[in-house]
C-alpha atoms as a PDB file:
ATOM      1  CA  UNK A   1     -42.536   2.083 -97.180  1.00  0.00           C
ATOM      2  CA  UNK A   2     -39.408   2.437 -94.867  1.00  0.00           C
ATOM      3  CA  UNK A   3     -36.419   0.794 -96.184  1.00  0.00           C
ATOM      4  CA  UNK A   4     -35.031  -1.668 -93.521  1.00  0.00           C
ATOM      5  CA  UNK A   5     -31.484  -1.169 -92.712  1.00  0.00           C
ATOM      6  CA  UNK A   6     -29.029  -3.962 -92.438  1.00  0.00           C
ATOM      7  CA  UNK A   7     -25.352  -4.096 -91.282  1.00  0.00           C
ATOM      8  CA  UNK A   8     -23.443  -6.950 -92.621  1.00  0.00           C
ATOM      9  CA  UNK A   9     -20.127  -7.827 -90.916  1.00  0.00           C
ATOM     10  CA  UNK A  10     -17.628 -10.157 -92.557  1.00  0.00           C
ATOM     11  CA  UNK A  11     -13.667  -9.934 -93.075  1.00  0.00           C
ATOM     12  CA  UNK A  12     -14.360 -11.834 -96.268  1.00  0.00           C
ATOM     13  CA  UNK A  13     -14.668  -9.303 -99.042  1.00  0.00           C
ATOM     14  CA  UNK A  14     -16.342 -11.710-101.487  1.00  0.00           C
ATOM     15  CA  UNK A  15     -19.083 -12.715 -98.921  1.00  0.00           C
ATOM     16  CA  UNK A  16     -19.744  -8.926 -98.180  1.00  0.00           C
ATOM     17  CA  UNK A  17     -20.156  -7.944-101.669  1.00  0.00           C
ATOM     18  CA  UNK A  18     -22.321 -10.959-102.118  1.00  0.00           C
ATOM     19  CA  UNK A  19     -24.670 -10.178 -99.186  1.00  0.00           C
ATOM     20  CA  UNK A  20     -24.646  -6.233-100.000  1.00  0.00           C
ATOM     21  CA  UNK A  21     -25.702  -6.758-103.752  1.00  0.00           C
ATOM     22  CA  UNK A  22     -28.380  -9.371-102.511  1.00  0.00           C
ATOM     23  CA  UNK A  23     -29.952  -7.028-100.007  1.00  0.00           C
ATOM     24  CA  UNK A  24     -29.661  -3.938-102.087  1.00  0.00           C
ATOM     25  CA  UNK A  25     -31.702  -5.881-104.986  1.00  0.00           C
ATOM     26  CA  UNK A  26     -34.327  -6.541-102.405  1.00  0.00           C
ATOM     27  CA  UNK A  27     -34.715  -2.845-101.638  1.00  0.00           C
ATOM     28  CA  UNK A  28     -32.880  -2.731 -98.351  1.00  0.00           C
ATOM     29  CA  UNK A  29     -30.456  -0.089 -97.317  1.00  0.00           C
ATOM     30  CA  UNK A  30     -27.136  -1.819 -96.542  1.00  0.00           C
ATOM     31  CA  UNK A  31     -23.880  -1.146 -94.764  1.00  0.00           C
ATOM     32  CA  UNK A  32     -20.898  -3.312 -94.591  1.00  0.00           C
ATOM     33  CA  UNK A  33     -18.272  -3.758 -91.918  1.00  0.00           C
ATOM     34  CA  UNK A  34     -14.849  -5.544 -92.353  1.00  0.00           C
ATOM     35  CA  UNK A  35     -14.518  -6.019 -88.604  1.00  0.00           C
ATOM     36  CA  UNK A  36     -16.253  -5.598 -85.493  1.00  0.00           C
ATOM     37  CA  UNK A  37     -14.483  -2.682 -84.564  1.00  0.00           C
ATOM     38  CA  UNK A  38     -15.750  -1.238 -87.650  1.00  0.00           C
ATOM     39  CA  UNK A  39     -19.215  -2.298 -87.106  1.00  0.00           C
ATOM     40  CA  UNK A  40     -19.400  -0.859 -83.574  1.00  0.00           C
ATOM     41  CA  UNK A  41     -18.072   2.504 -85.182  1.00  0.00           C
ATOM     42  CA  UNK A  42     -20.869   2.408 -87.802  1.00  0.00           C
ATOM     43  CA  UNK A  43     -23.479   1.586 -85.440  1.00  0.00           C
ATOM     44  CA  UNK A  44     -22.557   5.036 -83.581  1.00  0.00           C
ATOM     45  CA  UNK A  45     -23.424   6.824 -86.881  1.00  0.00           C
ATOM     46  CA  UNK A  46     -26.554   4.837 -88.072  1.00  0.00           C
ATOM     47  CA  UNK A  47     -29.572   3.394 -86.625  1.00  0.00           C
ATOM     48  CA  UNK A  48     -29.777  -0.202 -87.917  1.00  0.00           C
ATOM     49  CA  UNK A  49     -32.658  -2.667 -87.774  1.00  0.00           C
ATOM     50  CA  UNK A  50     -30.680  -5.772 -87.854  1.00  0.00           C
ATOM     51  CA  UNK A  51     -26.798  -6.870 -87.821  1.00  0.00           C
ATOM     52  CA  UNK A  52     -25.734  -9.914 -89.542  1.00  0.00           C
ATOM     53  CA  UNK A  53     -22.288 -11.168 -88.579  1.00  0.00           C
ATOM     54  CA  UNK A  54     -19.899 -13.821 -89.421  1.00  0.00           C
ATOM     55  CA  UNK A  55     -18.862 -15.742 -86.428  1.00  0.00           C
ATOM     56  CA  UNK A  56     -15.084 -16.248 -87.134  1.00  0.00           C
ATOM     57  CA  UNK A  57     -13.368 -12.984 -87.848  1.00  0.00           C
ATOM     58  CA  UNK A  58      -9.836 -11.447 -86.843  1.00  0.00           C
ATOM     59  CA  UNK A  59      -9.439  -9.321 -83.710  1.00  0.00           C
ATOM     60  CA  UNK A  60     -13.184  -9.436 -82.719  1.00  0.00           C
ATOM     61  CA  UNK A  61     -15.378 -12.740 -83.385  1.00  0.00           C
ATOM     62  CA  UNK A  62     -19.086 -12.493 -83.889  1.00  0.00           C
ATOM     63  CA  UNK A  63     -19.747 -13.479 -80.287  1.00  0.00           C
ATOM     64  CA  UNK A  64     -17.748 -10.903 -78.940  1.00  0.00           C
ATOM     65  CA  UNK A  65     -19.401  -8.429 -81.270  1.00  0.00           C
ATOM     66  CA  UNK A  66     -22.924  -9.538 -80.476  1.00  0.00           C
ATOM     67  CA  UNK A  67     -22.075  -8.828 -76.801  1.00  0.00           C
ATOM     68  CA  UNK A  68     -20.883  -5.457 -77.355  1.00  0.00           C
ATOM     69  CA  UNK A  69     -23.941  -4.702 -79.452  1.00  0.00           C
ATOM     70  CA  UNK A  70     -26.109  -5.904 -76.852  1.00  0.00           C
ATOM     71  CA  UNK A  71     -24.374  -3.627 -74.159  1.00  0.00           C
ATOM     72  CA  UNK A  72     -25.110  -0.686 -76.365  1.00  0.00           C
ATOM     73  CA  UNK A  73     -28.591  -1.651 -77.680  1.00  0.00           C
ATOM     74  CA  UNK A  74     -30.146  -4.749 -76.429  1.00  0.00           C
ATOM     75  CA  UNK A  75     -33.087  -4.929 -78.537  1.00  0.00           C
ATOM     76  CA  UNK A  76     -31.017  -4.808 -81.676  1.00  0.00           C
ATOM     77  CA  UNK A  77     -31.403  -8.369 -83.513  1.00  0.00           C
ATOM     78  CA  UNK A  78     -27.905  -9.797 -84.203  1.00  0.00           C
ATOM     79  CA  UNK A  79     -27.995 -12.854 -86.662  1.00  0.00           C
ATOM     80  CA  UNK A  80     -24.548 -14.940 -86.731  1.00  0.00           C
ATOM     81  CA  UNK A  81     -23.513 -16.958 -89.735  1.00  0.00           C
ATOM     82  CA  UNK A  82     -20.718 -19.475 -90.138  1.00  0.00           C
ATOM     83  CA  UNK A  83     -19.209 -21.970 -92.069  1.00  0.00           C
ATOM     84  CA  UNK A  84     -17.817 -23.428 -88.769  1.00  0.00           C
ATOM     85  CA  UNK A  85     -20.909 -24.078 -86.528  1.00  0.00           C
ATOM     86  CA  UNK A  86     -21.471 -26.699 -84.023  1.00  0.00           C
ATOM     87  CA  UNK A  87     -24.201 -27.328 -81.835  1.00  0.00           C
ATOM     88  CA  UNK A  88     -22.538 -25.986 -79.095  1.00  0.00           C
ATOM     89  CA  UNK A  89     -21.566 -22.727 -80.679  1.00  0.00           C
ATOM     90  CA  UNK A  90     -24.955 -22.382 -81.805  1.00  0.00           C
ATOM     91  CA  UNK A  91     -26.446 -22.743 -78.357  1.00  0.00           C
ATOM     92  CA  UNK A  92     -23.734 -20.382 -76.874  1.00  0.00           C
ATOM     93  CA  UNK A  93     -24.930 -17.805 -79.374  1.00  0.00           C
ATOM     94  CA  UNK A  94     -28.546 -18.122 -78.581  1.00  0.00           C
ATOM     95  CA  UNK A  95     -27.819 -17.767 -74.996  1.00  0.00           C
ATOM     96  CA  UNK A  96     -25.851 -14.823 -75.376  1.00  0.00           C
ATOM     97  CA  UNK A  97     -28.901 -13.222 -77.357  1.00  0.00           C
ATOM     98  CA  UNK A  98     -28.380 -13.884 -81.021  1.00  0.00           C
ATOM     99  CA  UNK A  99     -31.809 -13.884 -83.020  1.00  0.00           C
ATOM    100  CA  UNK A 100     -30.605 -16.580 -85.204  1.00  0.00           C
ATOM    101  CA  UNK A 101     -27.567 -18.738 -86.101  1.00  0.00           C
ATOM    102  CA  UNK A 102     -27.067 -19.734 -89.693  1.00  0.00           C
ATOM    103  CA  UNK A 103     -24.778 -22.156 -90.979  1.00  0.00           C
ATOM    104  CA  UNK A 104     -23.020 -21.721 -94.314  1.00  0.00           C
ATOM    105  CA  UNK A 105     -23.653 -22.300 -97.144  1.00  0.00           C
ATOM    106  CA  UNK A 106     -27.356 -21.082 -97.033  1.00  0.00           C
ATOM    107  CA  UNK A 107     -29.939 -19.762 -99.430  1.00  0.00           C
ATOM    108  CA  UNK A 108     -30.078 -15.926 -99.783  1.00  0.00           C
ATOM    109  CA  UNK A 109     -34.022 -16.273 -99.619  1.00  0.00           C
ATOM    110  CA  UNK A 110     -33.799 -18.029 -96.445  1.00  0.00           C
ATOM    111  CA  UNK A 111     -31.236 -15.401 -94.926  1.00  0.00           C
ATOM    112  CA  UNK A 112     -33.761 -12.845 -96.024  1.00  0.00           C
ATOM    113  CA  UNK A 113     -36.606 -14.676 -94.235  1.00  0.00           C
ATOM    114  CA  UNK A 114     -34.545 -14.828 -91.066  1.00  0.00           C
ATOM    115  CA  UNK A 115     -33.478 -11.094 -91.151  1.00  0.00           C
ATOM    116  CA  UNK A 116     -37.345 -10.201 -91.940  1.00  0.00           C
ATOM    117  CA  UNK A 117     -38.384 -12.343 -88.931  1.00  0.00           C
ATOM    118  CA  UNK A 118     -35.742 -10.850 -86.598  1.00  0.00           C
ATOM    119  CA  UNK A 119     -36.799  -7.148 -87.595  1.00  0.00           C
ATOM    120  CA  UNK A 120     -40.580  -7.934 -87.282  1.00  0.00           C
ATOM    121  CA  UNK A 121     -40.006  -9.320 -83.861  1.00  0.00           C
ATOM    122  CA  UNK A 122     -38.124  -6.377 -82.807  1.00  0.00           C
ATOM    123  CA  UNK A 123     -40.889  -4.163 -83.880  1.00  0.00           C
ATOM    124  CA  UNK A 124     -43.445  -6.347 -81.981  1.00  0.00           C
ATOM    125  CA  UNK A 125     -41.438  -6.125 -78.899  1.00  0.00           C
ATOM    126  CA  UNK A 126     -41.297  -2.380 -79.123  1.00  0.00           C
ATOM    127  CA  UNK A 127     -45.109  -2.010 -79.831  1.00  0.00           C
ATOM    128  CA  UNK A 128     -45.680  -4.536 -76.792  1.00  0.00           C
ATOM    129  CA  UNK A 129     -43.475  -2.372 -74.613  1.00  0.00           C
ATOM    130  CA  UNK A 130     -45.883   0.706 -75.357  1.00  0.00           C
ATOM    131  CA  UNK A 131     -48.304  -1.112 -73.697  1.00  0.00           C
ATOM    132  CA  UNK A 132     -46.487  -1.891 -70.538  1.00  0.00           C
ATOM    133  CA  UNK A 133     -46.195  -5.606 -70.974  1.00  0.00           C
ATOM    134  CA  UNK A 134     -44.339  -8.537 -72.506  1.00  0.00           C
ATOM    135  CA  UNK A 135     -44.924 -10.274 -75.655  1.00  0.00           C
ATOM    136  CA  UNK A 136     -47.789 -12.824 -75.512  1.00  0.00           C
ATOM    137  CA  UNK A 137     -49.248 -10.851 -72.710  1.00  0.00           C
ATOM    138  CA  UNK A 138     -52.931  -9.340 -72.985  1.00  0.00           C
ATOM    139  CA  UNK A 139     -53.251  -5.970 -71.266  1.00  0.00           C
ATOM    140  CA  UNK A 140     -56.282  -4.191 -70.486  1.00  0.00           C
ATOM    141  CA  UNK A 141     -55.684  -0.669 -68.911  1.00  0.00           C
ATOM    142  CA  UNK A 142     -56.370  -0.512 -65.336  1.00  0.00           C
ATOM    143  CA  UNK A 143     -59.281   1.808 -64.214  1.00  0.00           C
ATOM    144  CA  UNK A 144     -57.224   4.151 -62.432  1.00  0.00           C
ATOM    145  CA  UNK A 145     -54.819   4.681 -65.153  1.00  0.00           C
ATOM    146  CA  UNK A 146     -57.454   5.298 -67.783  1.00  0.00           C
ATOM    147  CA  UNK A 147     -56.624   9.129 -67.613  1.00  0.00           C
ATOM    148  CA  UNK A 148     -53.086   8.141 -68.823  1.00  0.00           C
ATOM    149  CA  UNK A 149     -54.380   6.101 -71.947  1.00  0.00           C
ATOM    150  CA  UNK A 150     -55.464   7.332 -74.914  1.00  0.00           C
ATOM    151  CA  UNK A 151     -58.040   5.671 -77.094  1.00  0.00           C
ATOM    152  CA  UNK A 152     -55.421   2.906 -78.282  1.00  0.00           C
ATOM    153  CA  UNK A 153     -54.607   1.953 -74.567  1.00  0.00           C
ATOM    154  CA  UNK A 154     -51.058   3.416 -75.082  1.00  0.00           C
ATOM    155  CA  UNK A 155     -49.907   4.590 -71.634  1.00  0.00           C
ATOM    156  CA  UNK A 156     -47.945   7.973 -71.981  1.00  0.00           C
ATOM    157  CA  UNK A 157     -45.624   7.210 -69.290  1.00  0.00           C
ATOM    158  CA  UNK A 158     -43.916   4.297 -71.147  1.00  0.00           C
ATOM    159  CA  UNK A 159     -40.650   5.415 -72.639  1.00  0.00           C
ATOM    160  CA  UNK A 160     -40.810   5.658 -76.476  1.00  0.00           C
ATOM    161  CA  UNK A 161     -44.243   5.531 -76.589  1.00  0.00           C
ATOM    162  CA  UNK A 162     -45.169   9.311 -77.130  1.00  0.00           C
ATOM    163  CA  UNK A 163     -45.168   8.890 -80.705  1.00  0.00           C
ATOM    164  CA  UNK A 164     -46.684   6.319 -82.855  1.00  0.00           C
ATOM    165  CA  UNK A 165     -44.482   3.298 -83.725  1.00  0.00           C
ATOM    166  CA  UNK A 166     -43.984   2.521 -87.437  1.00  0.00           C
ATOM    167  CA  UNK A 167     -44.398  -1.052 -88.878  1.00  0.00           C
ATOM    168  CA  UNK A 168     -41.196  -2.708 -89.803  1.00  0.00           C
ATOM    169  CA  UNK A 169     -42.591  -3.333 -93.402  1.00  0.00           C
END
């Protein structure tokens, strides 16, 4: 089973330690960043399955980080956490593309479920794109494209579909 890779971003050292230790105990691969700039640097070196970031941080807040991440990797799920959340901020985060918005305090198992769901949705979107469609769409290969499709219906002309996609779990 492939370990899920989480990047946690928070300028609070106690929160970083708490989250890192929890996800390590759950058999995840975890990296921690002290700032948005640090997170972007780490993303250049590692392929993460999900990013969890605090909303309020010095220099670059969580929304700015979300925007930067989605410029580099639009399909990477980003989960925002905050003790200072409002409905308006949550709506803005979701509009900007956040996978979820989690108010503090939260239960670790709840955060884990949210992370797992975000990773699973990313995997499903990747699988669906291999069939040339969008999530929720039923696709039947067109007769004139039959020569391009293998027995699974995967079209070889779709980017990223030349090799099998591994399940997230």
